[in-house]
Amino acid sequence: MSPLPDHPTTVSLTISSVSLTCDLSTVFRGLIRRNAVYLTAIFSSAFAFEIAYDSTSNRIWDAMNRGRQWKDIKHQYMVKDEEDDE
């Protein structure tokens, strides 16, 4: 018995009365046919995920710690240039 089905897996998507049918096995075969394309897709998606994850984590951290970070309170401790001249 074959582990893969005899018929290709298809996905149908309807957007504003336009039907788009995509053969997933064709996309999969096209992606991994060449090793360079496969590795490029993996590395670029990992890089994009890392950037998105880091920026989201930083935004959440900044929102939770607003008013307690150096960038929020440094104006209270920095000496102005006018006071240095006197």
N, C-alpha and C. Protein backbone atom coordinates (compact mmCIF):
# COMPACT_ATOMS: atom_id res chain seq x y z
N MET A 1 0.84 -1.18 0.00
CA MET A 1 0.00 0.00 0.00
C MET A 1 0.89 1.24 0.00
N SER A 2 0.57 2.17 -0.85
CA SER A 2 1.36 3.39 -0.99
C SER A 2 1.01 4.37 0.12
N PRO A 3 2.03 5.00 0.75
CA PRO A 3 1.74 5.95 1.82
C PRO A 3 1.12 7.25 1.30
N LEU A 4 1.32 7.55 0.02
CA LEU A 4 0.74 8.75 -0.57
C LEU A 4 -0.54 8.42 -1.32
N PRO A 5 -1.51 9.31 -1.31
CA PRO A 5 -2.74 9.03 -2.04
C PRO A 5 -2.48 9.05 -3.55
N ASP A 6 -3.34 8.35 -4.28
CA ASP A 6 -3.20 8.28 -5.74
C ASP A 6 -3.57 9.60 -6.41
N HIS A 7 -4.42 10.36 -5.80
CA HIS A 7 -4.84 11.63 -6.39
C HIS A 7 -4.13 12.79 -5.68
N PRO A 8 -3.80 13.84 -6.41
CA PRO A 8 -3.10 14.96 -5.78
C PRO A 8 -4.01 15.73 -4.84
N THR A 9 -3.41 16.31 -3.84
CA THR A 9 -4.14 17.13 -2.88
C THR A 9 -4.33 18.51 -3.47
N THR A 10 -5.55 18.99 -3.46
CA THR A 10 -5.82 20.32 -4.02
C THR A 10 -6.46 21.18 -2.96
N VAL A 11 -6.23 22.47 -3.09
CA VAL A 11 -6.83 23.45 -2.21
C VAL A 11 -7.62 24.40 -3.07
N SER A 12 -8.86 24.61 -2.72
CA SER A 12 -9.69 25.56 -3.46
C SER A 12 -9.95 26.76 -2.59
N LEU A 13 -9.79 27.93 -3.16
CA LEU A 13 -9.97 29.18 -2.43
C LEU A 13 -10.86 30.08 -3.26
N THR A 14 -11.92 30.59 -2.66
CA THR A 14 -12.82 31.48 -3.37
C THR A 14 -12.73 32.86 -2.76
N ILE A 15 -12.30 33.82 -3.56
CA ILE A 15 -12.20 35.20 -3.12
C ILE A 15 -13.01 36.05 -4.08
N SER A 16 -14.03 36.69 -3.56
CA SER A 16 -14.93 37.56 -4.33
C SER A 16 -15.29 36.95 -5.68
N SER A 17 -15.84 35.79 -5.62
CA SER A 17 -16.35 35.02 -6.75
C SER A 17 -15.27 34.61 -7.76
N VAL A 18 -14.01 34.60 -7.35
CA VAL A 18 -12.93 34.09 -8.19
C VAL A 18 -12.40 32.83 -7.53
N SER A 19 -12.41 31.76 -8.25
CA SER A 19 -11.96 30.48 -7.70
C SER A 19 -10.52 30.22 -8.10
N LEU A 20 -9.70 29.86 -7.11
CA LEU A 20 -8.29 29.57 -7.34
C LEU A 20 -8.03 28.15 -6.83
N THR A 21 -7.63 27.28 -7.70
CA THR A 21 -7.32 25.91 -7.32
C THR A 21 -5.83 25.70 -7.44
N CYS A 22 -5.23 25.22 -6.37
CA CYS A 22 -3.78 25.03 -6.32
C CYS A 22 -3.48 23.56 -6.04
N ASP A 23 -2.67 22.99 -6.85
CA ASP A 23 -2.26 21.60 -6.67
C ASP A 23 -1.04 21.61 -5.75
N LEU A 24 -1.20 21.17 -4.51
CA LEU A 24 -0.14 21.24 -3.52
C LEU A 24 1.06 20.36 -3.89
N SER A 25 0.83 19.24 -4.51
CA SER A 25 1.95 18.39 -4.88
C SER A 25 2.82 19.06 -5.94
N THR A 26 2.23 19.84 -6.84
CA THR A 26 3.00 20.56 -7.84
C THR A 26 3.84 21.64 -7.19
N VAL A 27 3.26 22.37 -6.24
CA VAL A 27 4.01 23.40 -5.53
C VAL A 27 5.15 22.77 -4.74
N PHE A 28 4.88 21.66 -4.07
CA PHE A 28 5.90 20.98 -3.28
C PHE A 28 7.03 20.48 -4.16
N ARG A 29 6.69 19.86 -5.28
CA ARG A 29 7.72 19.36 -6.19
C ARG A 29 8.53 20.50 -6.79
N GLY A 30 7.87 21.61 -7.09
CA GLY A 30 8.59 22.77 -7.64
C GLY A 30 9.52 23.40 -6.63
N LEU A 31 9.15 23.33 -5.37
CA LEU A 31 9.97 23.93 -4.31
C LEU A 31 11.21 23.11 -4.01
N ILE A 32 11.09 21.80 -3.98
CA ILE A 32 12.23 20.98 -3.57
C ILE A 32 12.89 20.26 -4.74
N ARG A 33 12.57 20.65 -5.94
CA ARG A 33 13.21 20.00 -7.09
C ARG A 33 14.72 20.26 -7.07
N ARG A 34 15.10 21.47 -6.76
CA ARG A 34 16.52 21.80 -6.69
C ARG A 34 16.88 22.13 -5.25
N ASN A 35 18.01 21.65 -4.82
CA ASN A 35 18.45 21.83 -3.45
C ASN A 35 18.66 23.31 -3.12
N ALA A 36 19.17 24.08 -4.07
CA ALA A 36 19.42 25.50 -3.82
C ALA A 36 18.11 26.26 -3.56
N VAL A 37 17.08 25.94 -4.29
CA VAL A 37 15.78 26.60 -4.10
C VAL A 37 15.21 26.22 -2.74
N TYR A 38 15.32 24.96 -2.39
CA TYR A 38 14.82 24.47 -1.11
C TYR A 38 15.53 25.15 0.06
N LEU A 39 16.85 25.20 0.01
CA LEU A 39 17.61 25.83 1.09
C LEU A 39 17.38 27.34 1.14
N THR A 40 17.26 27.97 -0.01
CA THR A 40 16.96 29.41 -0.04
C THR A 40 15.62 29.70 0.60
N ALA A 41 14.63 28.88 0.31
CA ALA A 41 13.31 29.06 0.91
C ALA A 41 13.36 28.87 2.42
N ILE A 42 14.10 27.89 2.88
CA ILE A 42 14.21 27.64 4.32
C ILE A 42 14.92 28.79 5.02
N PHE A 43 16.06 29.22 4.48
CA PHE A 43 16.82 30.30 5.13
C PHE A 43 16.10 31.63 5.09
N SER A 44 15.46 31.94 3.97
CA SER A 44 14.75 33.22 3.89
C SER A 44 13.52 33.23 4.80
N SER A 45 12.82 32.12 4.90
CA SER A 45 11.66 32.09 5.80
C SER A 45 12.11 32.13 7.26
N ALA A 46 13.22 31.50 7.59
CA ALA A 46 13.75 31.56 8.96
C ALA A 46 14.19 32.98 9.30
N PHE A 47 14.83 33.67 8.36
CA PHE A 47 15.26 35.05 8.57
C PHE A 47 14.06 35.97 8.77
N ALA A 48 13.03 35.81 7.94
CA ALA A 48 11.83 36.64 8.08
C ALA A 48 11.12 36.36 9.40
N PHE A 49 11.05 35.10 9.81
CA PHE A 49 10.43 34.75 11.08
C PHE A 49 11.19 35.36 12.24
N GLU A 50 12.53 35.33 12.17
CA GLU A 50 13.35 35.89 13.25
C GLU A 50 13.11 37.39 13.39
N ILE A 51 13.05 38.11 12.29
CA ILE A 51 12.81 39.55 12.34
C ILE A 51 11.43 39.84 12.92
N ALA A 52 10.42 39.12 12.46
CA ALA A 52 9.06 39.33 12.96
C ALA A 52 8.96 39.00 14.44
N TYR A 53 9.57 37.91 14.86
CA TYR A 53 9.52 37.49 16.26
C TYR A 53 10.23 38.50 17.16
N ASP A 54 11.41 38.96 16.74
CA ASP A 54 12.17 39.93 17.54
C ASP A 54 11.43 41.25 17.68
N SER A 55 10.88 41.76 16.59
CA SER A 55 10.19 43.04 16.67
C SER A 55 8.91 42.93 17.51
N THR A 56 8.20 41.81 17.39
CA THR A 56 7.00 41.61 18.21
C THR A 56 7.37 41.49 19.69
N SER A 57 8.42 40.74 19.99
CA SER A 57 8.86 40.60 21.38
C SER A 57 9.28 41.94 21.97
N ASN A 58 10.01 42.75 21.20
CA ASN A 58 10.42 44.06 21.68
C ASN A 58 9.24 44.98 21.93
N ARG A 59 8.25 44.94 21.06
CA ARG A 59 7.05 45.79 21.26
C ARG A 59 6.29 45.37 22.52
N ILE A 60 6.16 44.09 22.74
CA ILE A 60 5.46 43.61 23.94
C ILE A 60 6.25 43.99 25.19
N TRP A 61 7.57 43.81 25.16
CA TRP A 61 8.42 44.16 26.30
C TRP A 61 8.33 45.66 26.60
N ASP A 62 8.41 46.48 25.57
CA ASP A 62 8.32 47.93 25.77
C ASP A 62 6.95 48.34 26.32
N ALA A 63 5.89 47.71 25.87
CA ALA A 63 4.55 48.04 26.36
C ALA A 63 4.39 47.64 27.83
N MET A 64 4.95 46.50 28.21
CA MET A 64 4.80 46.03 29.59
C MET A 64 5.69 46.82 30.56
N ASN A 65 6.79 47.39 30.07
CA ASN A 65 7.73 48.08 30.94
C ASN A 65 7.82 49.58 30.64
N ARG A 66 6.77 50.13 30.11
CA ARG A 66 6.75 51.56 29.80
C ARG A 66 6.93 52.37 31.08
N GLY A 67 7.86 53.35 31.04
CA GLY A 67 8.11 54.20 32.18
C GLY A 67 9.18 53.67 33.11
N ARG A 68 9.66 52.47 32.91
CA ARG A 68 10.68 51.87 33.77
C ARG A 68 12.00 51.64 33.05
N GLN A 69 12.08 51.99 31.79
CA GLN A 69 13.30 51.76 31.03
C GLN A 69 14.10 53.05 30.91
N TRP A 70 15.38 52.89 30.65
CA TRP A 70 16.27 54.04 30.56
C TRP A 70 15.81 55.02 29.50
N LYS A 71 15.33 54.53 28.38
CA LYS A 71 14.89 55.43 27.32
C LYS A 71 13.68 56.26 27.74
N ASP A 72 12.93 55.80 28.75
CA ASP A 72 11.77 56.54 29.22
C ASP A 72 12.12 57.55 30.33
N ILE A 73 13.19 57.28 31.08
CA ILE A 73 13.49 58.15 32.24
C ILE A 73 14.82 58.90 32.12
N LYS A 74 15.53 58.75 31.03
CA LYS A 74 16.85 59.38 30.94
C LYS A 74 16.78 60.90 30.96
N HIS A 75 15.67 61.49 30.54
CA HIS A 75 15.56 62.94 30.57
C HIS A 75 15.58 63.48 32.00
N GLN A 76 15.25 62.66 32.98
CA GLN A 76 15.27 63.09 34.38
C GLN A 76 16.69 63.15 34.93
N TYR A 77 17.61 62.39 34.37
CA TYR A 77 18.97 62.28 34.90
C TYR A 77 20.04 62.92 34.02
N MET A 78 19.69 63.26 32.82
CA MET A 78 20.66 63.87 31.92
C MET A 78 20.80 65.35 32.27
N VAL A 79 22.03 65.84 32.27
CA VAL A 79 22.31 67.23 32.57
C VAL A 79 22.19 68.02 31.28
N LYS A 80 21.45 69.10 31.34
CA LYS A 80 21.26 69.93 30.16
C LYS A 80 22.55 70.70 29.87
N ASP A 81 22.75 71.08 28.62
CA ASP A 81 23.93 71.83 28.21
C ASP A 81 23.97 73.21 28.85
N GLU A 82 22.82 73.80 29.09
CA GLU A 82 22.76 75.14 29.70
C GLU A 82 23.33 75.13 31.11
N GLU A 83 23.10 74.08 31.86
CA GLU A 83 23.60 73.99 33.23
C GLU A 83 25.12 73.76 33.24
N ASP A 84 25.66 73.13 32.19
CA ASP A 84 27.09 72.90 32.12
C ASP A 84 27.87 74.19 31.90
N ASP A 85 27.27 75.17 31.20
CA ASP A 85 27.94 76.41 30.89
C ASP A 85 28.10 77.31 32.10
N GLU A 86 27.28 77.18 33.10
CA GLU A 86 27.30 78.09 34.26
C GLU A 86 28.37 77.78 35.24
